[in-house]
C-alpha atoms as a PDB file:
ATOM      1  CA  MET A   1     -28.238 -19.184 -37.923  1.00  0.00           C
ATOM      2  CA  PRO A   2     -28.773 -15.634 -38.818  1.00  0.00           C
ATOM      3  CA  VAL A   3     -29.810 -13.153 -36.267  1.00  0.00           C
ATOM      4  CA  ARG A   4     -32.436 -12.025 -38.998  1.00  0.00           C
ATOM      5  CA  ILE A   5     -33.992 -15.651 -39.272  1.00  0.00           C
ATOM      6  CA  LYS A   6     -34.169 -16.340 -35.693  1.00  0.00           C
ATOM      7  CA  GLN A   7     -36.163 -13.060 -35.234  1.00  0.00           C
ATOM      8  CA  LEU A   8     -38.534 -13.991 -37.656  1.00  0.00           C
ATOM      9  CA  LEU A   9     -38.948 -17.492 -36.317  1.00  0.00           C
ATOM     10  CA  ILE A  10     -39.621 -15.864 -32.698  1.00  0.00           C
ATOM     11  CA  ALA A  11     -42.095 -13.574 -34.475  1.00  0.00           C
ATOM     12  CA  VAL A  12     -43.981 -16.321 -36.052  1.00  0.00           C
ATOM     13  CA  ALA A  13     -43.898 -18.475 -32.915  1.00  0.00           C
ATOM     14  CA  ALA A  14     -45.535 -15.578 -31.001  1.00  0.00           C
ATOM     15  CA  ALA A  15     -47.989 -14.915 -33.389  1.00  0.00           C
ATOM     16  CA  LEU A  16     -49.249 -18.760 -33.582  1.00  0.00           C
ATOM     17  CA  ILE A  17     -49.405 -18.407 -29.750  1.00  0.00           C
ATOM     18  CA  LEU A  18     -51.504 -15.425 -29.958  1.00  0.00           C
ATOM     19  CA  ALA A  19     -53.941 -17.068 -32.333  1.00  0.00           C
ATOM     20  CA  VAL A  20     -53.884 -20.209 -30.709  1.00  0.00           C
ATOM     21  CA  ALA A  21     -55.378 -17.740 -27.364  1.00  0.00           C
ATOM     22  CA  PHE A  22     -57.502 -15.942 -29.612  1.00  0.00           C
ATOM     23  CA  ALA A  23     -59.416 -19.376 -31.155  1.00  0.00           C
ATOM     24  CA  GLY A  24     -59.794 -20.025 -27.414  1.00  0.00           C
ATOM     25  CA  TYR A  25     -61.923 -17.099 -27.018  1.00  0.00           C
ATOM     26  CA  LEU A  26     -64.284 -17.577 -29.947  1.00  0.00           C
ATOM     27  CA  GLN A  27     -64.707 -21.517 -28.643  1.00  0.00           C
ATOM     28  CA  PRO A  28     -64.471 -21.837 -25.047  1.00  0.00           C
ATOM     29  CA  ALA A  29     -65.959 -25.144 -24.964  1.00  0.00           C
ATOM     30  CA  PHE A  30     -62.770 -26.591 -27.048  1.00  0.00           C
ATOM     31  CA  VAL A  31     -60.452 -25.138 -24.342  1.00  0.00           C
ATOM     32  CA  VAL A  32     -62.267 -26.588 -21.329  1.00  0.00           C
ATOM     33  CA  ASP A  33     -62.380 -30.310 -23.154  1.00  0.00           C
ATOM     34  CA  LEU A  34     -58.757 -29.695 -23.832  1.00  0.00           C
ATOM     35  CA  ALA A  35     -57.678 -28.697 -20.508  1.00  0.00           C
ATOM     36  CA  ASN A  36     -60.230 -31.650 -18.985  1.00  0.00           C
ATOM     37  CA  ARG A  37     -58.240 -34.167 -21.641  1.00  0.00           C
ATOM     38  CA  ILE A  38     -54.745 -32.834 -20.312  1.00  0.00           C
ATOM     39  CA  ILE A  39     -56.126 -33.055 -16.597  1.00  0.00           C
ATOM     40  CA  LEU A  40     -57.031 -36.513 -17.075  1.00  0.00           C
ATOM     41  CA  CYS A  41     -53.618 -37.890 -17.997  1.00  0.00           C
ATOM     42  CA  PHE A  42     -52.300 -37.423 -14.793  1.00  0.00           C
END
């Protein structure tokens, strides 16, 4: 895989992670619900 494509994929993944974190601040109840669902799996 060329280096340019690899860098682009890393940048897109980082942007996606930041977008999810930002969305969590907009709807904290959703994040709490998601965390509770993950915890209840164990």
